[in-house]
Amino acid sequence: MVCSPRMEPGTRETFNPAGAGGLLLATTVACAGIGALIGWAAGSAAYGALGGVIVGIPASIFVVYRSYRGSLS
């Protein structure tokens, strides 16, 4: 017990802004790509990509929140 390190009270995960931005971008681009594929199959890839971006923005916020919820509280 003499050599055991001290524990810091309330240790939390650190927030990484670059990682959060990467998650936001990757999730939005993935949703836009999936939307473009669905739109292409339906006849308009541009409208599908637009729909994917509209769905991707809240989805990316949710992904970042779930990933960094320990450091945001």
C-alpha atoms as a PDB file:
ATOM      1  CA  MET A   1       0.000   0.000   0.000  1.00  0.00           C
ATOM      2  CA  VAL A   2       2.940   2.309   0.456  1.00  0.00           C
ATOM      3  CA  CYS A   3       3.832   2.237  -3.244  1.00  0.00           C
ATOM      4  CA  SER A   4       0.292   2.493  -4.636  1.00  0.00           C
ATOM      5  CA  PRO A   5      -0.389   5.730  -6.526  1.00  0.00           C
ATOM      6  CA  ARG A   6      -2.879   8.237  -5.208  1.00  0.00           C
ATOM      7  CA  MET A   7      -6.237   8.293  -6.896  1.00  0.00           C
ATOM      8  CA  GLU A   8      -7.494  11.605  -8.122  1.00  0.00           C
ATOM      9  CA  PRO A   9     -11.062  12.336  -7.107  1.00  0.00           C
ATOM     10  CA  GLY A  10     -13.493  12.665  -9.975  1.00  0.00           C
ATOM     11  CA  THR A  11     -11.239  11.689 -12.867  1.00  0.00           C
ATOM     12  CA  ARG A  12     -13.047  12.277 -16.128  1.00  0.00           C
ATOM     13  CA  GLU A  13     -12.376  11.639 -19.761  1.00  0.00           C
ATOM     14  CA  THR A  14     -10.759  14.543 -21.560  1.00  0.00           C
ATOM     15  CA  PHE A  15     -12.568  16.325 -24.347  1.00  0.00           C
ATOM     16  CA  ASN A  16     -10.754  16.225 -27.673  1.00  0.00           C
ATOM     17  CA  PRO A  17     -12.085  18.993 -29.962  1.00  0.00           C
ATOM     18  CA  ALA A  18     -10.311  17.640 -33.046  1.00  0.00           C
ATOM     19  CA  GLY A  19     -11.767  14.185 -32.451  1.00  0.00           C
ATOM     20  CA  ALA A  20     -15.225  15.636 -31.942  1.00  0.00           C
ATOM     21  CA  GLY A  21     -14.944  17.598 -35.169  1.00  0.00           C
ATOM     22  CA  GLY A  22     -13.802  14.507 -37.013  1.00  0.00           C
ATOM     23  CA  LEU A  23     -16.780  12.565 -35.696  1.00  0.00           C
ATOM     24  CA  LEU A  24     -19.140  15.364 -36.742  1.00  0.00           C
ATOM     25  CA  LEU A  25     -17.685  15.473 -40.237  1.00  0.00           C
ATOM     26  CA  ALA A  26     -17.465  11.706 -40.723  1.00  0.00           C
ATOM     27  CA  THR A  27     -21.026  11.081 -39.566  1.00  0.00           C
ATOM     28  CA  THR A  28     -22.447  13.885 -41.713  1.00  0.00           C
ATOM     29  CA  VAL A  29     -20.525  12.717 -44.801  1.00  0.00           C
ATOM     30  CA  ALA A  30     -21.587   9.106 -44.227  1.00  0.00           C
ATOM     31  CA  CYS A  31     -25.244  10.100 -43.953  1.00  0.00           C
ATOM     32  CA  ALA A  32     -24.947  12.273 -47.064  1.00  0.00           C
ATOM     33  CA  GLY A  33     -23.378   9.364 -48.977  1.00  0.00           C
ATOM     34  CA  ILE A  34     -26.087   6.944 -47.890  1.00  0.00           C
ATOM     35  CA  GLY A  35     -28.718   9.525 -48.788  1.00  0.00           C
ATOM     36  CA  ALA A  36     -27.121  10.050 -52.203  1.00  0.00           C
ATOM     37  CA  LEU A  37     -27.214   6.313 -52.868  1.00  0.00           C
ATOM     38  CA  ILE A  38     -30.864   6.115 -51.860  1.00  0.00           C
ATOM     39  CA  GLY A  39     -31.614   9.218 -53.936  1.00  0.00           C
ATOM     40  CA  TRP A  40     -29.739   7.802 -56.911  1.00  0.00           C
ATOM     41  CA  ALA A  41     -31.838   4.642 -56.712  1.00  0.00           C
ATOM     42  CA  ALA A  42     -34.978   6.782 -56.478  1.00  0.00           C
ATOM     43  CA  GLY A  43     -33.986   9.041 -59.364  1.00  0.00           C
ATOM     44  CA  SER A  44     -32.250  12.094 -57.850  1.00  0.00           C
ATOM     45  CA  ALA A  45     -28.919  11.761 -56.098  1.00  0.00           C
ATOM     46  CA  ALA A  46     -28.795  15.485 -55.270  1.00  0.00           C
ATOM     47  CA  TYR A  47     -32.048  15.402 -53.325  1.00  0.00           C
ATOM     48  CA  GLY A  48     -30.945  12.224 -51.607  1.00  0.00           C
ATOM     49  CA  ALA A  49     -27.664  13.807 -50.538  1.00  0.00           C
ATOM     50  CA  LEU A  50     -29.549  16.852 -49.259  1.00  0.00           C
ATOM     51  CA  GLY A  51     -31.840  14.615 -47.254  1.00  0.00           C
ATOM     52  CA  GLY A  52     -28.829  12.735 -45.945  1.00  0.00           C
ATOM     53  CA  VAL A  53     -27.201  15.949 -44.746  1.00  0.00           C
ATOM     54  CA  ILE A  54     -30.442  17.029 -43.065  1.00  0.00           C
ATOM     55  CA  VAL A  55     -30.571  13.706 -41.232  1.00  0.00           C
ATOM     56  CA  GLY A  56     -26.788  13.632 -40.701  1.00  0.00           C
ATOM     57  CA  ILE A  57     -26.465  16.868 -38.740  1.00  0.00           C
ATOM     58  CA  PRO A  58     -28.570  15.765 -35.749  1.00  0.00           C
ATOM     59  CA  ALA A  59     -27.139  12.247 -36.058  1.00  0.00           C
ATOM     60  CA  SER A  60     -23.588  13.581 -35.844  1.00  0.00           C
ATOM     61  CA  ILE A  61     -24.442  15.694 -32.791  1.00  0.00           C
ATOM     62  CA  PHE A  62     -25.882  12.584 -31.151  1.00  0.00           C
ATOM     63  CA  VAL A  63     -22.755  10.543 -31.977  1.00  0.00           C
ATOM     64  CA  VAL A  64     -20.451  13.179 -30.464  1.00  0.00           C
ATOM     65  CA  TYR A  65     -22.643  13.459 -27.382  1.00  0.00           C
ATOM     66  CA  ARG A  66     -22.611   9.675 -26.870  1.00  0.00           C
ATOM     67  CA  SER A  67     -18.848   9.501 -27.409  1.00  0.00           C
ATOM     68  CA  TYR A  68     -17.939  12.350 -25.064  1.00  0.00           C
ATOM     69  CA  ARG A  69     -20.765  12.191 -22.518  1.00  0.00           C
ATOM     70  CA  GLY A  70     -18.324  11.413 -19.696  1.00  0.00           C
ATOM     71  CA  SER A  71     -16.305  14.567 -20.274  1.00  0.00           C
ATOM     72  CA  LEU A  72     -19.245  16.886 -20.924  1.00  0.00           C
ATOM     73  CA  SER A  73     -20.940  16.506 -17.551  1.00  0.00           C
END
